[in-house]
Amino acid sequence: MSTQPVAISAPRLSPVEQFKMQVLPPEKAAELARALPAHIRPERFERNLLNALMQNPALLKCHPALVYREVSKAAGLGLVLDPEIGEAYILTVWNPKTKAADMPQLRLGYRGLLRLARQSGEVAACYAHAVHEQDFIECELGDNPKLVHKPKLFGERG
């Protein structure tokens, strides 16, 4: 019987997981967890970040500190980066300094804007619907603003 210790190798991290660890090392993950509102669990937020990186590999070319800055904005607003939910996204945009699309930027989806409006407590009701080319739209601004949307119920809406 051998008394030699058995070497157990740690699982190898994918490039996306390695980048996520650069963006969100344990000390920053703990800091971010404190900023998250109660309705978002830190594990879920980190998983959504990993999914966002996998869905947009161009983010891997960005500086991790810049990606963290955008991720922390989403956390501070209480929005998740899940594309299925559509509250917030991190995209790469043109950076005039490097002359490349390597600047991460947080973009809010309309669902994120709706969430923020509801969370503010200043909005009684808000909703969003798709408007098509053949729908009737009437918009009045001024002292008595009014918006009328009558979807075309039958036939091609455009």
N, C-alpha and C. Protein backbone atom coordinates (compact mmCIF):
# COMPACT_ATOMS: atom_id res chain seq x y z
N MET A 1 0.83 -1.16 0.00
CA MET A 1 0.00 0.00 0.00
C MET A 1 0.88 1.24 0.00
N SER A 2 0.57 2.15 -0.91
CA SER A 2 1.38 3.34 -1.08
C SER A 2 0.90 4.45 -0.14
N THR A 3 1.83 5.19 0.40
CA THR A 3 1.48 6.32 1.26
C THR A 3 1.68 7.64 0.53
N GLN A 4 1.89 7.56 -0.77
CA GLN A 4 2.06 8.77 -1.57
C GLN A 4 0.74 9.53 -1.67
N PRO A 5 0.75 10.86 -1.47
CA PRO A 5 -0.48 11.63 -1.64
C PRO A 5 -0.91 11.64 -3.11
N VAL A 6 -2.19 11.62 -3.31
CA VAL A 6 -2.74 11.64 -4.67
C VAL A 6 -2.96 13.11 -5.05
N ALA A 7 -2.41 13.48 -6.19
CA ALA A 7 -2.57 14.85 -6.65
C ALA A 7 -3.94 14.99 -7.32
N ILE A 8 -4.68 15.96 -6.85
CA ILE A 8 -5.99 16.24 -7.44
C ILE A 8 -5.86 17.55 -8.20
N SER A 9 -6.12 17.48 -9.49
CA SER A 9 -5.99 18.70 -10.28
C SER A 9 -7.28 19.51 -10.22
N ALA A 10 -7.10 20.81 -10.12
CA ALA A 10 -8.25 21.71 -10.11
C ALA A 10 -8.84 21.78 -11.51
N PRO A 11 -10.13 21.94 -11.60
CA PRO A 11 -10.73 22.04 -12.93
C PRO A 11 -10.22 23.29 -13.65
N ARG A 12 -9.98 23.14 -14.93
CA ARG A 12 -9.48 24.26 -15.72
C ARG A 12 -10.63 25.20 -16.03
N LEU A 13 -10.36 26.49 -15.91
CA LEU A 13 -11.37 27.50 -16.21
C LEU A 13 -11.31 27.87 -17.69
N SER A 14 -12.45 28.07 -18.27
CA SER A 14 -12.52 28.51 -19.66
C SER A 14 -12.02 29.96 -19.74
N PRO A 15 -11.69 30.45 -20.94
CA PRO A 15 -11.27 31.84 -21.07
C PRO A 15 -12.33 32.83 -20.56
N VAL A 16 -13.58 32.50 -20.77
CA VAL A 16 -14.66 33.38 -20.30
C VAL A 16 -14.68 33.40 -18.77
N GLU A 17 -14.54 32.25 -18.14
CA GLU A 17 -14.52 32.18 -16.67
C GLU A 17 -13.29 32.89 -16.11
N GLN A 18 -12.15 32.75 -16.79
CA GLN A 18 -10.94 33.45 -16.35
C GLN A 18 -11.14 34.96 -16.41
N PHE A 19 -11.76 35.43 -17.50
CA PHE A 19 -12.00 36.87 -17.63
C PHE A 19 -12.98 37.34 -16.56
N LYS A 20 -14.02 36.54 -16.30
CA LYS A 20 -14.98 36.90 -15.25
C LYS A 20 -14.27 37.04 -13.91
N MET A 21 -13.29 36.18 -13.63
CA MET A 21 -12.53 36.27 -12.38
C MET A 21 -11.68 37.55 -12.35
N GLN A 22 -11.25 38.03 -13.50
CA GLN A 22 -10.51 39.29 -13.55
C GLN A 22 -11.45 40.47 -13.32
N VAL A 23 -12.65 40.38 -13.90
CA VAL A 23 -13.64 41.44 -13.73
C VAL A 23 -14.15 41.47 -12.30
N LEU A 24 -14.40 40.29 -11.76
CA LEU A 24 -15.05 40.17 -10.45
C LEU A 24 -14.28 39.23 -9.53
N PRO A 25 -13.08 39.63 -9.09
CA PRO A 25 -12.36 38.80 -8.12
C PRO A 25 -13.14 38.76 -6.80
N PRO A 26 -12.83 37.82 -5.91
CA PRO A 26 -13.62 37.65 -4.69
C PRO A 26 -13.85 38.94 -3.88
N GLU A 27 -12.85 39.80 -3.76
CA GLU A 27 -13.04 41.03 -2.97
C GLU A 27 -14.02 41.99 -3.64
N LYS A 28 -13.98 42.06 -4.97
CA LYS A 28 -14.93 42.92 -5.68
C LYS A 28 -16.32 42.28 -5.71
N ALA A 29 -16.37 40.96 -5.76
CA ALA A 29 -17.67 40.27 -5.74
C ALA A 29 -18.38 40.55 -4.42
N ALA A 30 -17.63 40.56 -3.33
CA ALA A 30 -18.23 40.85 -2.02
C ALA A 30 -18.72 42.30 -1.97
N GLU A 31 -17.94 43.21 -2.54
CA GLU A 31 -18.34 44.62 -2.59
C GLU A 31 -19.61 44.79 -3.43
N LEU A 32 -19.65 44.11 -4.55
CA LEU A 32 -20.81 44.18 -5.44
C LEU A 32 -22.05 43.58 -4.78
N ALA A 33 -21.86 42.49 -4.04
CA ALA A 33 -22.98 41.83 -3.36
C ALA A 33 -23.65 42.78 -2.36
N ARG A 34 -22.85 43.64 -1.72
CA ARG A 34 -23.42 44.60 -0.77
C ARG A 34 -24.25 45.67 -1.48
N ALA A 35 -23.91 45.95 -2.75
CA ALA A 35 -24.62 46.98 -3.51
C ALA A 35 -25.92 46.48 -4.12
N LEU A 36 -26.04 45.15 -4.24
CA LEU A 36 -27.24 44.59 -4.88
C LEU A 36 -28.47 44.75 -4.00
N PRO A 37 -29.61 45.05 -4.60
CA PRO A 37 -30.86 45.09 -3.82
C PRO A 37 -31.27 43.67 -3.42
N ALA A 38 -32.19 43.58 -2.48
CA ALA A 38 -32.59 42.29 -1.92
C ALA A 38 -33.17 41.34 -2.95
N HIS A 39 -33.77 41.85 -4.02
CA HIS A 39 -34.42 40.95 -4.98
C HIS A 39 -33.44 40.27 -5.95
N ILE A 40 -32.15 40.62 -5.87
CA ILE A 40 -31.15 39.98 -6.74
C ILE A 40 -30.11 39.28 -5.87
N ARG A 41 -30.03 37.97 -5.98
CA ARG A 41 -29.02 37.21 -5.24
C ARG A 41 -27.67 37.38 -5.94
N PRO A 42 -26.59 37.52 -5.19
CA PRO A 42 -25.26 37.71 -5.80
C PRO A 42 -24.88 36.57 -6.77
N GLU A 43 -25.26 35.33 -6.44
CA GLU A 43 -24.92 34.20 -7.31
C GLU A 43 -25.61 34.35 -8.66
N ARG A 44 -26.85 34.81 -8.64
CA ARG A 44 -27.60 35.01 -9.88
C ARG A 44 -26.96 36.12 -10.71
N PHE A 45 -26.56 37.20 -10.05
CA PHE A 45 -25.94 38.31 -10.77
C PHE A 45 -24.64 37.86 -11.42
N GLU A 46 -23.83 37.09 -10.70
CA GLU A 46 -22.56 36.60 -11.26
C GLU A 46 -22.81 35.65 -12.42
N ARG A 47 -23.81 34.79 -12.30
CA ARG A 47 -24.15 33.86 -13.38
C ARG A 47 -24.60 34.63 -14.62
N ASN A 48 -25.39 35.69 -14.41
CA ASN A 48 -25.83 36.52 -15.54
C ASN A 48 -24.66 37.24 -16.18
N LEU A 49 -23.69 37.66 -15.38
CA LEU A 49 -22.48 38.28 -15.92
C LEU A 49 -21.74 37.28 -16.81
N LEU A 50 -21.59 36.06 -16.33
CA LEU A 50 -20.92 35.02 -17.10
C LEU A 50 -21.65 34.78 -18.42
N ASN A 51 -22.97 34.72 -18.38
CA ASN A 51 -23.76 34.53 -19.60
C ASN A 51 -23.59 35.72 -20.55
N ALA A 52 -23.55 36.93 -20.01
CA ALA A 52 -23.36 38.12 -20.85
C ALA A 52 -22.01 38.07 -21.55
N LEU A 53 -20.98 37.61 -20.85
CA LEU A 53 -19.65 37.49 -21.45
C LEU A 53 -19.63 36.42 -22.54
N MET A 54 -20.36 35.32 -22.31
CA MET A 54 -20.40 34.26 -23.31
C MET A 54 -21.17 34.70 -24.55
N GLN A 55 -22.21 35.49 -24.36
CA GLN A 55 -23.02 35.93 -25.50
C GLN A 55 -22.37 37.06 -26.28
N ASN A 56 -21.46 37.78 -25.67
CA ASN A 56 -20.77 38.87 -26.35
C ASN A 56 -19.27 38.72 -26.13
N PRO A 57 -18.63 37.82 -26.90
CA PRO A 57 -17.19 37.57 -26.70
C PRO A 57 -16.32 38.81 -26.94
N ALA A 58 -16.85 39.82 -27.62
CA ALA A 58 -16.07 41.06 -27.83
C ALA A 58 -15.72 41.71 -26.49
N LEU A 59 -16.53 41.45 -25.45
CA LEU A 59 -16.23 42.02 -24.13
C LEU A 59 -14.91 41.51 -23.57
N LEU A 60 -14.48 40.32 -24.01
CA LEU A 60 -13.23 39.75 -23.51
C LEU A 60 -12.02 40.57 -23.95
N LYS A 61 -12.20 41.43 -24.95
CA LYS A 61 -11.11 42.29 -25.42
C LYS A 61 -11.04 43.60 -24.64
N CYS A 62 -12.04 43.85 -23.80
CA CYS A 62 -12.09 45.07 -23.00
C CYS A 62 -11.26 44.92 -21.73
N HIS A 63 -10.85 46.04 -21.17
CA HIS A 63 -10.11 46.00 -19.91
C HIS A 63 -11.08 45.57 -18.80
N PRO A 64 -10.70 44.59 -17.97
CA PRO A 64 -11.59 44.09 -16.92
C PRO A 64 -12.11 45.18 -15.98
N ALA A 65 -11.28 46.18 -15.67
CA ALA A 65 -11.73 47.25 -14.77
C ALA A 65 -12.86 48.06 -15.39
N LEU A 66 -12.81 48.24 -16.72
CA LEU A 66 -13.87 48.97 -17.40
C LEU A 66 -15.16 48.16 -17.44
N VAL A 67 -15.03 46.86 -17.60
CA VAL A 67 -16.21 45.99 -17.57
C VAL A 67 -16.81 46.01 -16.17
N TYR A 68 -15.96 45.95 -15.15
CA TYR A 68 -16.45 46.01 -13.76
C TYR A 68 -17.23 47.30 -13.50
N ARG A 69 -16.73 48.41 -14.03
CA ARG A 69 -17.41 49.70 -13.84
C ARG A 69 -18.84 49.63 -14.37
N GLU A 70 -19.04 49.02 -15.53
CA GLU A 70 -20.37 48.92 -16.13
C GLU A 70 -21.24 47.91 -15.38
N VAL A 71 -20.63 46.82 -14.95
CA VAL A 71 -21.35 45.81 -14.18
C VAL A 71 -21.84 46.40 -12.86
N SER A 72 -21.00 47.20 -12.22
CA SER A 72 -21.39 47.79 -10.93
C SER A 72 -22.50 48.82 -11.11
N LYS A 73 -22.57 49.46 -12.28
CA LYS A 73 -23.69 50.37 -12.55
C LYS A 73 -25.01 49.60 -12.58
N ALA A 74 -25.00 48.46 -13.27
CA ALA A 74 -26.21 47.63 -13.34
C ALA A 74 -26.61 47.17 -11.94
N ALA A 75 -25.63 46.75 -11.15
CA ALA A 75 -25.92 46.30 -9.78
C ALA A 75 -26.50 47.43 -8.95
N GLY A 76 -25.91 48.61 -9.07
CA GLY A 76 -26.40 49.76 -8.31
C GLY A 76 -27.82 50.15 -8.67
N LEU A 77 -28.19 49.95 -9.93
CA LEU A 77 -29.56 50.25 -10.36
C LEU A 77 -30.53 49.12 -10.02
N GLY A 78 -29.98 47.97 -9.63
CA GLY A 78 -30.84 46.83 -9.31
C GLY A 78 -31.37 46.13 -10.55
N LEU A 79 -30.59 46.18 -11.64
CA LEU A 79 -30.99 45.54 -12.89
C LEU A 79 -30.09 44.35 -13.17
N VAL A 80 -30.67 43.32 -13.77
CA VAL A 80 -29.90 42.13 -14.09
C VAL A 80 -29.48 42.15 -15.56
N LEU A 81 -28.40 41.47 -15.85
CA LEU A 81 -27.84 41.42 -17.20
C LEU A 81 -28.37 40.23 -18.00
N ASP A 82 -29.50 39.71 -17.64
CA ASP A 82 -30.07 38.55 -18.32
C ASP A 82 -30.79 39.00 -19.59
N PRO A 83 -30.31 38.56 -20.78
CA PRO A 83 -30.94 39.02 -22.02
C PRO A 83 -32.38 38.54 -22.17
N GLU A 84 -32.74 37.46 -21.50
CA GLU A 84 -34.13 36.97 -21.55
C GLU A 84 -35.07 37.93 -20.83
N ILE A 85 -34.57 38.57 -19.80
CA ILE A 85 -35.38 39.52 -19.04
C ILE A 85 -35.34 40.89 -19.73
N GLY A 86 -34.20 41.24 -20.30
CA GLY A 86 -34.09 42.47 -21.08
C GLY A 86 -34.01 43.76 -20.29
N GLU A 87 -33.52 43.69 -19.06
CA GLU A 87 -33.40 44.92 -18.27
C GLU A 87 -32.16 45.73 -18.63
N ALA A 88 -31.02 45.04 -18.78
CA ALA A 88 -29.77 45.74 -19.05
C ALA A 88 -28.83 44.84 -19.85
N TYR A 89 -27.97 45.48 -20.61
CA TYR A 89 -27.00 44.78 -21.46
C TYR A 89 -25.66 45.49 -21.34
N ILE A 90 -24.57 44.74 -21.53
CA ILE A 90 -23.26 45.38 -21.66
C ILE A 90 -22.81 45.14 -23.09
N LEU A 91 -22.60 46.23 -23.80
CA LEU A 91 -22.19 46.17 -25.20
C LEU A 91 -20.78 46.73 -25.33
N THR A 92 -20.17 46.46 -26.46
CA THR A 92 -18.89 47.11 -26.76
C THR A 92 -19.18 48.23 -27.75
N VAL A 93 -18.60 49.39 -27.49
CA VAL A 93 -18.79 50.54 -28.34
C VAL A 93 -17.44 51.08 -28.80
N TRP A 94 -17.47 51.95 -29.77
CA TRP A 94 -16.26 52.53 -30.36
C TRP A 94 -15.51 53.36 -29.33
N ASN A 95 -14.23 53.11 -29.25
CA ASN A 95 -13.33 53.85 -28.37
C ASN A 95 -12.43 54.72 -29.24
N PRO A 96 -12.59 56.04 -29.23
CA PRO A 96 -11.78 56.89 -30.11
C PRO A 96 -10.28 56.86 -29.77
N LYS A 97 -9.94 56.53 -28.53
CA LYS A 97 -8.52 56.49 -28.15
C LYS A 97 -7.80 55.32 -28.81
N THR A 98 -8.45 54.13 -28.78
CA THR A 98 -7.81 52.95 -29.35
C THR A 98 -8.24 52.70 -30.79
N LYS A 99 -9.23 53.47 -31.26
CA LYS A 99 -9.79 53.31 -32.61
C LYS A 99 -10.27 51.88 -32.84
N ALA A 100 -10.96 51.36 -31.83
CA ALA A 100 -11.54 50.02 -31.91
C ALA A 100 -12.80 49.97 -31.05
N ALA A 101 -13.63 48.99 -31.30
CA ALA A 101 -14.85 48.81 -30.50
C ALA A 101 -14.50 47.97 -29.28
N ASP A 102 -13.78 48.58 -28.33
CA ASP A 102 -13.34 47.85 -27.16
C ASP A 102 -13.71 48.54 -25.85
N MET A 103 -14.70 49.43 -25.91
CA MET A 103 -15.14 50.15 -24.72
C MET A 103 -16.47 49.55 -24.27
N PRO A 104 -16.53 48.96 -23.06
CA PRO A 104 -17.81 48.41 -22.60
C PRO A 104 -18.74 49.54 -22.19
N GLN A 105 -20.03 49.32 -22.42
CA GLN A 105 -21.01 50.33 -22.04
C GLN A 105 -22.30 49.64 -21.61
N LEU A 106 -22.84 50.08 -20.48
CA LEU A 106 -24.11 49.56 -20.00
C LEU A 106 -25.23 50.23 -20.79
N ARG A 107 -26.14 49.43 -21.30
CA ARG A 107 -27.32 49.95 -21.99
C ARG A 107 -28.54 49.37 -21.30
N LEU A 108 -29.50 50.22 -21.04
CA LEU A 108 -30.74 49.77 -20.41
C LEU A 108 -31.74 49.40 -21.48
N GLY A 109 -32.41 48.26 -21.27
CA GLY A 109 -33.51 47.88 -22.14
C GLY A 109 -34.77 48.57 -21.67
N TYR A 110 -35.81 48.51 -22.48
CA TYR A 110 -37.05 49.18 -22.08
C TYR A 110 -37.62 48.56 -20.81
N ARG A 111 -37.39 47.27 -20.60
CA ARG A 111 -37.88 46.65 -19.37
C ARG A 111 -37.13 47.17 -18.15
N GLY A 112 -35.85 47.47 -18.31
CA GLY A 112 -35.09 48.08 -17.22
C GLY A 112 -35.59 49.48 -16.91
N LEU A 113 -35.91 50.23 -17.96
CA LEU A 113 -36.45 51.58 -17.75
C LEU A 113 -37.80 51.51 -17.03
N LEU A 114 -38.63 50.53 -17.41
CA LEU A 114 -39.91 50.36 -16.73
C LEU A 114 -39.70 50.00 -15.26
N ARG A 115 -38.75 49.11 -14.99
CA ARG A 115 -38.47 48.73 -13.60
C ARG A 115 -38.03 49.94 -12.78
N LEU A 116 -37.13 50.75 -13.34
CA LEU A 116 -36.65 51.93 -12.62
C LEU A 116 -37.78 52.92 -12.38
N ALA A 117 -38.66 53.08 -13.35
CA ALA A 117 -39.80 53.99 -13.17
C ALA A 117 -40.70 53.50 -12.05
N ARG A 118 -40.98 52.20 -12.03
CA ARG A 118 -41.84 51.65 -10.97
C ARG A 118 -41.16 51.75 -9.61
N GLN A 119 -39.85 51.47 -9.56
CA GLN A 119 -39.12 51.51 -8.29
C GLN A 119 -39.05 52.92 -7.71
N SER A 120 -39.14 53.92 -8.57
CA SER A 120 -39.01 55.30 -8.09
C SER A 120 -40.14 55.70 -7.17
N GLY A 121 -41.30 55.06 -7.32
CA GLY A 121 -42.46 55.43 -6.52
C GLY A 121 -43.16 56.67 -7.04
N GLU A 122 -42.64 57.28 -8.08
CA GLU A 122 -43.22 58.50 -8.63
C GLU A 122 -44.12 58.23 -9.83
N VAL A 123 -44.18 56.98 -10.27
CA VAL A 123 -44.97 56.62 -11.45
C VAL A 123 -46.10 55.70 -11.01
N ALA A 124 -47.32 56.10 -11.29
CA ALA A 124 -48.48 55.29 -10.90
C ALA A 124 -48.60 54.05 -11.77
N ALA A 125 -48.41 54.19 -13.07
CA ALA A 125 -48.51 53.06 -13.99
C ALA A 125 -47.68 53.34 -15.22
N CYS A 126 -47.06 52.33 -15.73
CA CYS A 126 -46.35 52.44 -17.00
C CYS A 126 -46.35 51.07 -17.65
N TYR A 127 -46.39 51.07 -18.96
CA TYR A 127 -46.41 49.82 -19.71
C TYR A 127 -45.83 50.09 -21.08
N ALA A 128 -45.53 49.03 -21.78
CA ALA A 128 -44.97 49.17 -23.12
C ALA A 128 -45.62 48.13 -24.03
N HIS A 129 -45.91 48.55 -25.25
CA HIS A 129 -46.45 47.66 -26.28
C HIS A 129 -45.74 47.96 -27.59
N ALA A 130 -45.66 46.96 -28.43
CA ALA A 130 -45.07 47.15 -29.76
C ALA A 130 -46.03 47.97 -30.61
N VAL A 131 -45.47 48.91 -31.37
CA VAL A 131 -46.25 49.71 -32.31
C VAL A 131 -45.83 49.29 -33.71
N HIS A 132 -46.81 48.98 -34.54
CA HIS A 132 -46.53 48.54 -35.91
C HIS A 132 -46.91 49.62 -36.90
N GLU A 133 -46.40 49.49 -38.10
CA GLU A 133 -46.57 50.48 -39.14
C GLU A 133 -48.03 50.78 -39.46
N GLN A 134 -48.89 49.76 -39.43
CA GLN A 134 -50.29 49.95 -39.81
C GLN A 134 -51.19 50.33 -38.62
N ASP A 135 -50.64 50.42 -37.41
CA ASP A 135 -51.42 50.83 -36.24
C ASP A 135 -51.73 52.32 -36.31
N PHE A 136 -52.77 52.74 -35.62
CA PHE A 136 -53.12 54.15 -35.53
C PHE A 136 -52.45 54.73 -34.28
N ILE A 137 -51.72 55.81 -34.46
CA ILE A 137 -51.04 56.49 -33.35
C ILE A 137 -51.43 57.96 -33.39
N GLU A 138 -51.82 58.48 -32.25
CA GLU A 138 -52.09 59.91 -32.12
C GLU A 138 -51.37 60.39 -30.87
N CYS A 139 -50.58 61.44 -31.02
CA CYS A 139 -49.80 61.97 -29.90
C CYS A 139 -50.01 63.47 -29.81
N GLU A 140 -50.40 63.92 -28.64
CA GLU A 140 -50.56 65.35 -28.38
C GLU A 140 -49.67 65.74 -27.22
N LEU A 141 -48.93 66.80 -27.39
CA LEU A 141 -48.09 67.34 -26.32
C LEU A 141 -48.72 68.64 -25.84
N GLY A 142 -48.18 69.23 -24.83
CA GLY A 142 -48.69 70.51 -24.35
C GLY A 142 -49.30 70.39 -22.96
N ASP A 143 -50.30 71.22 -22.68
CA ASP A 143 -50.90 71.25 -21.35
C ASP A 143 -51.66 69.97 -21.01
N ASN A 144 -52.27 69.35 -22.00
CA ASN A 144 -53.02 68.10 -21.80
C ASN A 144 -52.45 67.01 -22.71
N PRO A 145 -51.28 66.47 -22.33
CA PRO A 145 -50.67 65.46 -23.21
C PRO A 145 -51.56 64.22 -23.32
N LYS A 146 -51.53 63.60 -24.49
CA LYS A 146 -52.36 62.44 -24.74
C LYS A 146 -51.65 61.55 -25.76
N LEU A 147 -51.73 60.26 -25.54
CA LEU A 147 -51.19 59.29 -26.49
C LEU A 147 -52.26 58.25 -26.74
N VAL A 148 -52.62 58.06 -28.00
CA VAL A 148 -53.62 57.07 -28.38
C VAL A 148 -52.96 56.07 -29.32
N HIS A 149 -53.05 54.79 -28.98
CA HIS A 149 -52.52 53.72 -29.83
C HIS A 149 -53.64 52.72 -30.06
N LYS A 150 -54.05 52.60 -31.31
CA LYS A 150 -55.08 51.63 -31.67
C LYS A 150 -54.44 50.63 -32.62
N PRO A 151 -54.12 49.42 -32.12
CA PRO A 151 -53.50 48.42 -32.99
C PRO A 151 -54.48 47.95 -34.06
N LYS A 152 -53.95 47.69 -35.23
CA LYS A 152 -54.75 47.11 -36.30
C LYS A 152 -54.97 45.65 -35.92
N LEU A 153 -56.21 45.29 -35.62
CA LEU A 153 -56.50 43.96 -35.09
C LEU A 153 -56.58 42.89 -36.16
N PHE A 154 -56.93 43.24 -37.38
CA PHE A 154 -57.08 42.23 -38.44
C PHE A 154 -56.20 42.62 -39.63
N GLY A 155 -55.57 41.65 -40.22
CA GLY A 155 -54.72 41.92 -41.38
C GLY A 155 -53.29 42.18 -40.97
N GLU A 156 -52.51 42.52 -41.97
CA GLU A 156 -51.07 42.77 -41.77
C GLU A 156 -50.87 44.08 -41.02
N ARG A 157 -50.11 44.03 -39.91
CA ARG A 157 -49.86 45.24 -39.12
C ARG A 157 -48.59 45.96 -39.57
N GLY A 158 -47.77 45.31 -40.36
CA GLY A 158 -46.53 45.96 -40.79
C GLY A 158 -45.41 45.71 -39.83
